[in-house]
Protein backbone atom coordinates (compact mmCIF):
# COMPACT_ATOMS: atom_id res chain seq x y z
CA MET A 1 156.82 60.02 151.24
CA THR A 2 153.40 61.54 150.97
CA ALA A 3 150.27 60.25 152.64
CA ASP A 4 147.99 57.95 150.70
CA ARG A 5 145.76 59.92 148.41
CA PRO A 6 142.40 59.23 146.81
CA ALA A 7 142.11 58.84 143.07
CA SER A 8 142.13 62.21 141.39
CA ALA A 9 139.52 63.35 138.97
CA SER A 10 141.94 62.84 136.14
CA GLY A 11 142.66 59.29 137.26
CA ALA A 12 139.08 58.16 137.77
CA ALA A 13 137.32 56.52 134.87
CA PRO A 14 133.92 57.84 133.86
CA SER A 15 130.92 55.78 134.83
CA ALA A 16 129.91 53.31 132.16
CA SER A 17 126.46 52.54 133.47
CA ALA A 18 123.84 51.10 131.18
CA SER A 19 122.03 54.44 131.30
CA GLY A 20 125.06 56.09 129.76
CA ALA A 21 125.55 58.43 132.69
CA ALA A 22 129.12 59.29 131.82
CA PRO A 23 130.24 62.89 131.53
CA SER A 24 129.83 64.28 128.05
CA ALA A 25 132.65 66.06 126.29
CA SER A 26 132.72 68.48 123.42
CA ALA A 27 136.49 68.84 123.44
CA SER A 28 138.55 67.30 120.67
CA GLY A 29 142.09 65.99 120.46
CA ALA A 30 143.86 64.60 123.51
CA SER A 31 141.00 65.21 125.93
CA ARG A 32 138.52 63.31 123.76
CA ALA A 33 141.05 60.51 123.19
CA GLU A 34 141.48 60.17 126.96
CA LEU A 35 137.71 60.20 127.48
CA ILE A 36 137.26 57.41 124.93
CA ALA A 37 140.06 55.31 126.42
CA ASP A 38 138.89 55.89 130.01
CA THR A 39 135.35 54.94 129.05
CA ALA A 40 136.63 51.80 127.33
CA LEU A 41 138.43 50.82 130.55
CA ALA A 42 135.30 51.49 132.60
CA LEU A 43 133.22 49.35 130.24
CA LEU A 44 135.74 46.51 130.45
CA ALA A 45 135.55 46.58 134.24
CA GLU A 46 131.76 46.74 134.33
CA ARG A 47 130.67 44.60 131.37
CA GLY A 48 133.71 42.60 130.33
CA MET A 49 135.21 42.24 126.87
CA ARG A 50 131.87 41.48 125.22
CA GLY A 51 130.47 44.76 126.48
CA LEU A 52 133.17 46.83 124.80
CA THR A 53 131.98 48.15 121.44
CA HIS A 54 132.47 51.43 119.64
CA ARG A 55 128.80 52.25 120.05
CA ALA A 56 128.85 51.41 123.76
CA VAL A 57 131.79 53.77 124.30
CA ASP A 58 129.98 56.58 122.45
CA GLU A 59 126.85 56.08 124.54
CA ALA A 60 128.62 55.75 127.90
CA ALA A 61 130.87 58.74 127.22
CA GLY A 62 128.02 60.93 125.99
CA LEU A 63 129.65 61.38 122.59
CA PRO A 64 127.95 61.58 119.18
CA LEU A 65 127.64 58.19 117.52
CA GLY A 66 130.70 57.48 115.39
CA SER A 67 133.11 59.45 117.59
CA THR A 68 134.90 56.35 118.87
CA SER A 69 135.12 54.88 115.36
CA ASN A 70 136.71 58.11 114.14
CA HIS A 71 139.34 57.85 116.88
CA ALA A 72 139.93 54.07 116.69
CA ARG A 73 138.72 52.54 113.43
CA THR A 74 139.01 48.90 114.44
CA ARG A 75 138.46 46.91 117.59
CA ALA A 76 142.19 46.22 117.75
CA ALA A 77 142.87 49.96 117.65
CA LEU A 78 140.36 50.55 120.45
CA LEU A 79 141.99 47.84 122.58
CA LYS A 80 145.45 49.34 122.00
CA ALA A 81 144.14 52.75 123.02
CA ALA A 82 142.79 51.18 126.21
CA VAL A 83 146.12 49.49 126.96
CA ARG A 84 148.00 52.74 126.34
CA ARG A 85 145.70 54.65 128.69
CA LEU A 86 145.90 51.84 131.25
CA ALA A 87 149.68 52.23 131.34
CA GLN A 88 149.36 56.01 131.81
CA ARG A 89 146.92 55.68 134.66
CA GLU A 90 148.88 52.92 136.38
CA ALA A 91 151.95 55.16 136.18
CA GLU A 92 149.95 57.82 138.04
CA VAL A 93 149.05 55.26 140.70
CA LEU A 94 152.69 54.20 141.06
CA ALA A 95 153.70 57.88 141.30
CA PRO A 96 157.39 57.71 140.30
CA ASP A 97 158.04 60.99 142.12
CA GLU A 98 157.23 59.18 145.38
CA MET A 99 159.76 56.43 144.76
CA PRO A 100 163.16 56.73 146.42
CA GLY A 101 166.05 57.86 144.28
CA PRO A 102 168.22 55.17 142.68
CA ALA A 103 171.39 56.18 144.52
CA GLY A 104 171.63 54.82 148.04
CA ALA A 105 170.08 56.21 151.18
CA ALA A 106 168.06 59.39 151.39
CA PRO A 107 169.81 62.56 152.65
CA ASP A 108 168.19 62.17 156.07
CA GLY A 109 169.79 58.76 156.47
CA THR A 110 166.64 56.74 155.83
CA ASP A 111 167.27 53.06 155.23
CA PRO A 112 166.97 52.71 151.42
CA VAL A 113 165.38 49.25 151.69
CA ALA A 114 162.76 50.53 154.12
CA ALA A 115 162.16 53.57 151.89
CA LEU A 116 161.54 51.39 148.83
CA ALA A 117 159.31 49.03 150.81
CA ASP A 118 157.25 51.99 152.01
CA ALA A 119 156.95 53.47 148.52
CA LEU A 120 155.91 50.16 146.98
CA ALA A 121 153.41 49.55 149.79
CA LEU A 122 151.85 52.96 149.18
CA ALA A 123 151.50 52.33 145.44
CA LEU A 124 150.10 48.81 145.86
CA HIS A 125 147.64 49.87 148.57
CA ARG A 126 146.43 52.68 146.33
CA SER A 127 145.83 50.19 143.52
CA LEU A 128 143.92 47.81 145.78
CA THR A 129 141.72 50.43 147.43
CA THR A 130 141.00 53.19 144.90
CA GLN A 131 141.72 51.54 141.56
CA ARG A 132 140.03 48.13 141.75
CA ASP A 133 138.08 48.72 138.53
CA LEU A 134 141.32 49.58 136.76
CA LEU A 135 142.78 46.25 137.86
CA ILE A 136 139.75 44.35 136.56
CA ALA A 137 140.05 46.13 133.21
CA ARG A 138 143.72 45.16 133.11
CA TYR A 139 142.89 41.48 133.59
CA GLU A 140 140.33 41.65 130.79
CA LEU A 141 142.99 43.14 128.49
CA ALA A 142 145.65 40.65 129.59
CA LEU A 143 143.40 37.70 128.75
CA GLU A 144 142.46 39.21 125.41
CA ALA A 145 146.16 39.71 124.66
CA THR A 146 146.67 35.94 124.88
CA ARG A 147 144.37 35.62 121.85
CA ARG A 148 145.60 38.61 119.84
CA PRO A 149 149.34 38.56 118.99
CA GLU A 150 149.30 42.22 117.95
CA LEU A 151 147.83 43.22 121.33
CA ARG A 152 150.19 40.86 123.19
CA GLU A 153 153.21 42.67 121.81
CA PHE A 154 151.73 46.05 122.69
CA TYR A 155 150.68 44.93 126.19
CA ASP A 156 154.10 43.45 126.94
CA ALA A 157 155.87 46.63 125.82
CA THR A 158 153.91 48.69 128.35
CA GLY A 159 154.78 46.20 131.07
CA ARG A 160 158.50 46.65 130.47
CA GLY A 161 158.07 50.32 131.32
CA PHE A 162 157.33 49.30 134.92
CA ARG A 163 159.82 46.47 135.35
CA GLU A 164 162.89 48.27 134.07
CA PRO A 165 162.86 51.11 136.66
CA LEU A 166 162.41 48.51 139.39
CA GLU A 167 165.43 46.64 138.06
CA ALA A 168 167.44 49.87 138.32
CA MET A 169 166.34 50.32 141.94
CA MET A 170 167.32 46.76 142.79
CA THR A 171 170.70 47.30 141.18
CA ALA A 172 171.20 50.43 143.29
CA LEU A 173 170.36 48.45 146.42
CA GLY A 174 173.11 45.96 145.61
CA SER A 175 171.10 43.10 144.14
CA THR A 176 173.28 40.53 142.41
CA GLU A 177 170.36 39.52 140.18
CA PRO A 178 168.29 42.67 139.72
CA ARG A 179 166.26 41.37 136.80
CA ARG A 180 165.16 38.21 138.57
CA HIS A 181 164.51 40.06 141.80
CA ALA A 182 162.45 42.73 140.04
CA ARG A 183 160.38 40.04 138.35
CA SER A 184 159.80 38.33 141.71
CA LEU A 185 158.60 41.61 143.22
CA VAL A 186 156.27 42.20 140.29
CA ALA A 187 154.95 38.64 140.55
CA TRP A 188 154.24 39.09 144.27
CA CYS A 189 152.38 42.31 143.52
CA GLU A 190 150.44 40.70 140.69
CA GLY A 191 149.38 37.84 142.90
CA LEU A 192 148.09 40.15 145.62
CA MET A 193 146.33 42.40 143.13
CA PHE A 194 144.50 39.53 141.46
CA SER A 195 143.57 37.93 144.77
CA CYS A 196 142.20 41.18 146.18
CA ALA A 197 140.52 42.43 143.01
CA ALA A 198 138.99 39.22 141.66
CA GLY A 199 140.07 36.32 143.84
CA ALA A 200 139.32 34.85 147.24
CA ASP A 201 140.67 37.85 149.17
CA HIS A 202 138.52 40.48 147.45
CA ASP A 203 137.03 41.44 150.84
CA ALA A 204 140.32 41.34 152.78
CA VAL A 205 142.63 44.01 151.38
CA PRO A 206 145.86 44.27 153.43
CA ASP A 207 146.58 47.63 154.99
CA ARG A 208 149.70 49.63 154.19
CA ALA A 209 151.54 48.36 157.27
CA ALA A 210 151.03 44.73 156.23
CA LEU A 211 152.13 45.48 152.67
CA ARG A 212 155.19 47.36 153.93
CA THR A 213 156.15 44.37 156.07
CA GLY A 214 155.74 42.02 153.13
CA PHE A 215 157.85 44.14 150.81
CA GLY A 216 160.51 44.53 153.50
CA GLU A 217 160.72 40.77 153.98
CA LEU A 218 161.01 40.18 150.26
CA LEU A 219 163.63 42.87 149.69
CA ARG A 220 165.82 41.91 152.64
CA GLY A 221 165.59 38.24 151.71
CA MET A 222 166.69 39.01 148.16
CA LEU A 223 169.53 41.19 149.37
CA ASP A 224 170.58 38.63 152.03
CA GLU A 225 170.24 41.11 154.84
């Protein structure tokens, strides 16, 4: 398990200040698509759904007017691009390479439950401390998805990409109900993330040790240990 790490340059969204002080980009293709999506996420976190327009993305990203419209013709397309990029960046935060393997204990004899609790605590702490704006953007998109069926389907599909690996890990640990247990873990994480990003505990983020203890209690309770 690696030490907690700050958000990398590739994982940090550009500033979406009203002055438009986001980094400009002359590159085309994937790099420009990422810039547009990252800027959309930054705008959602800073200004909310009403502040997200094609023109606002162009201005905040330092792109020529019309660039965002060329990439995502409609508002629905822009929102889908934001959801897609959100999933990519959250995958970087979760860092699958830092998760324990699905097959039993580590070679050094580490308790597999403790290893998973530590890995999940690292990922959650990283989200709460270095990616708060990303969480706020996610809540904006989640609420919008309740009003847009086409976005709801897209949003839910990205969510399955995180639950299914967790189900596999729970199965490997001997869970008799891996799907339900994975959903309970996700729900616990979601509750903490909302509370610390936008709720009453926004100024009281748990440290990694507290998160590790919480995950350990949940996992051992589920596994009847």
